[in-house]
């Protein structure tokens, strides 16, 4: 494991449209789907507690309180 993978994971999470699955625009949905697949792939290369902490922090930063619970990794 390198810090580079963790940094890349964090960059991808910060840039990711967490609510892509609700998009009516197929190209936006596809982009979000592909990004999430890459996020999931990278999450396997770093310790799970780090991946979960980074992802959940991004969820809290991006979403209103009403929607946070459905997107948190547990």
C-alpha atoms as a PDB file:
ATOM      1  CA  UNK A   1       0.000   0.000   0.000  1.00  0.00           C
ATOM      2  CA  UNK A   2       1.220   3.437  -0.814  1.00  0.00           C
ATOM      3  CA  UNK A   3       0.040   6.892   0.094  1.00  0.00           C
ATOM      4  CA  UNK A   4      -0.388   7.451  -3.622  1.00  0.00           C
ATOM      5  CA  UNK A   5      -3.270   4.954  -3.738  1.00  0.00           C
ATOM      6  CA  UNK A   6      -4.891   6.557  -0.711  1.00  0.00           C
ATOM      7  CA  UNK A   7      -4.470  10.016  -2.237  1.00  0.00           C
ATOM      8  CA  UNK A   8      -5.937   8.840  -5.547  1.00  0.00           C
ATOM      9  CA  UNK A   9      -8.832   7.194  -3.722  1.00  0.00           C
ATOM     10  CA  UNK A  10      -9.546  10.420  -1.848  1.00  0.00           C
ATOM     11  CA  UNK A  11      -9.368  12.514  -5.044  1.00  0.00           C
ATOM     12  CA  UNK A  12     -11.812  10.180  -6.785  1.00  0.00           C
ATOM     13  CA  UNK A  13     -14.214  10.258  -3.846  1.00  0.00           C
ATOM     14  CA  UNK A  14     -14.106  14.051  -3.658  1.00  0.00           C
ATOM     15  CA  UNK A  15     -14.806  14.411  -7.395  1.00  0.00           C
ATOM     16  CA  UNK A  16     -17.478  11.694  -7.536  1.00  0.00           C
ATOM     17  CA  UNK A  17     -21.174  12.520  -7.924  1.00  0.00           C
ATOM     18  CA  UNK A  18     -22.439  10.336  -5.099  1.00  0.00           C
ATOM     19  CA  UNK A  19     -26.055  10.594  -6.258  1.00  0.00           C
ATOM     20  CA  UNK A  20     -25.328   9.629  -9.883  1.00  0.00           C
ATOM     21  CA  UNK A  21     -27.723   6.681  -9.676  1.00  0.00           C
ATOM     22  CA  UNK A  22     -30.654   9.107  -9.521  1.00  0.00           C
ATOM     23  CA  UNK A  23     -29.739  10.832 -12.778  1.00  0.00           C
ATOM     24  CA  UNK A  24     -32.179  10.769 -15.687  1.00  0.00           C
ATOM     25  CA  UNK A  25     -29.278  11.467 -18.032  1.00  0.00           C
ATOM     26  CA  UNK A  26     -27.773   8.151 -19.093  1.00  0.00           C
ATOM     27  CA  UNK A  27     -24.349   9.650 -19.830  1.00  0.00           C
ATOM     28  CA  UNK A  28     -24.227  11.173 -16.319  1.00  0.00           C
ATOM     29  CA  UNK A  29     -25.332   7.855 -14.852  1.00  0.00           C
ATOM     30  CA  UNK A  30     -22.692   5.957 -16.860  1.00  0.00           C
ATOM     31  CA  UNK A  31     -19.941   8.364 -15.816  1.00  0.00           C
ATOM     32  CA  UNK A  32     -20.939   8.015 -12.165  1.00  0.00           C
ATOM     33  CA  UNK A  33     -21.184   4.246 -12.465  1.00  0.00           C
ATOM     34  CA  UNK A  34     -17.707   4.020 -13.989  1.00  0.00           C
ATOM     35  CA  UNK A  35     -16.257   6.336 -11.349  1.00  0.00           C
ATOM     36  CA  UNK A  36     -17.834   4.301  -8.557  1.00  0.00           C
ATOM     37  CA  UNK A  37     -16.438   1.077 -10.034  1.00  0.00           C
ATOM     38  CA  UNK A  38     -12.945   2.625  -9.948  1.00  0.00           C
ATOM     39  CA  UNK A  39     -13.509   3.808  -6.361  1.00  0.00           C
ATOM     40  CA  UNK A  40     -14.544   0.303  -5.344  1.00  0.00           C
ATOM     41  CA  UNK A  41     -11.539  -1.216  -7.127  1.00  0.00           C
ATOM     42  CA  UNK A  42      -9.140   1.149  -5.371  1.00  0.00           C
ATOM     43  CA  UNK A  43     -10.820   0.543  -2.017  1.00  0.00           C
ATOM     44  CA  UNK A  44      -9.601  -3.045  -2.205  1.00  0.00           C
ATOM     45  CA  UNK A  45      -5.987  -1.838  -2.320  1.00  0.00           C
ATOM     46  CA  UNK A  46      -6.083   0.220   0.866  1.00  0.00           C
ATOM     47  CA  UNK A  47      -7.080  -0.634   4.436  1.00  0.00           C
ATOM     48  CA  UNK A  48     -10.871  -0.781   4.734  1.00  0.00           C
ATOM     49  CA  UNK A  49     -11.058   1.586   7.697  1.00  0.00           C
ATOM     50  CA  UNK A  50      -9.200   4.245   5.673  1.00  0.00           C
ATOM     51  CA  UNK A  51     -11.423   3.770   2.621  1.00  0.00           C
ATOM     52  CA  UNK A  52     -14.558   3.893   4.748  1.00  0.00           C
ATOM     53  CA  UNK A  53     -13.389   7.013   6.607  1.00  0.00           C
ATOM     54  CA  UNK A  54     -12.580   8.875   3.386  1.00  0.00           C
ATOM     55  CA  UNK A  55     -15.803   7.844   1.628  1.00  0.00           C
ATOM     56  CA  UNK A  56     -18.007   8.699   4.598  1.00  0.00           C
ATOM     57  CA  UNK A  57     -16.303  12.075   5.058  1.00  0.00           C
ATOM     58  CA  UNK A  58     -17.105  12.885   1.420  1.00  0.00           C
ATOM     59  CA  UNK A  59     -20.719  11.820   1.931  1.00  0.00           C
ATOM     60  CA  UNK A  60     -21.042  14.175   4.915  1.00  0.00           C
ATOM     61  CA  UNK A  61     -19.459  17.025   2.951  1.00  0.00           C
ATOM     62  CA  UNK A  62     -21.644  16.607  -0.134  1.00  0.00           C
ATOM     63  CA  UNK A  63     -25.096  15.608   1.059  1.00  0.00           C
ATOM     64  CA  UNK A  64     -27.734  17.072   3.301  1.00  0.00           C
ATOM     65  CA  UNK A  65     -28.465  15.315   6.553  1.00  0.00           C
ATOM     66  CA  UNK A  66     -31.664  13.770   5.178  1.00  0.00           C
ATOM     67  CA  UNK A  67     -29.798  11.657   2.629  1.00  0.00           C
ATOM     68  CA  UNK A  68     -26.506  10.803   4.318  1.00  0.00           C
ATOM     69  CA  UNK A  69     -27.516   7.499   5.891  1.00  0.00           C
ATOM     70  CA  UNK A  70     -28.333   5.814   2.594  1.00  0.00           C
ATOM     71  CA  UNK A  71     -24.855   6.479   1.154  1.00  0.00           C
ATOM     72  CA  UNK A  72     -22.591   5.714   4.121  1.00  0.00           C
ATOM     73  CA  UNK A  73     -20.292   2.712   4.030  1.00  0.00           C
ATOM     74  CA  UNK A  74     -20.618   0.584   7.144  1.00  0.00           C
END
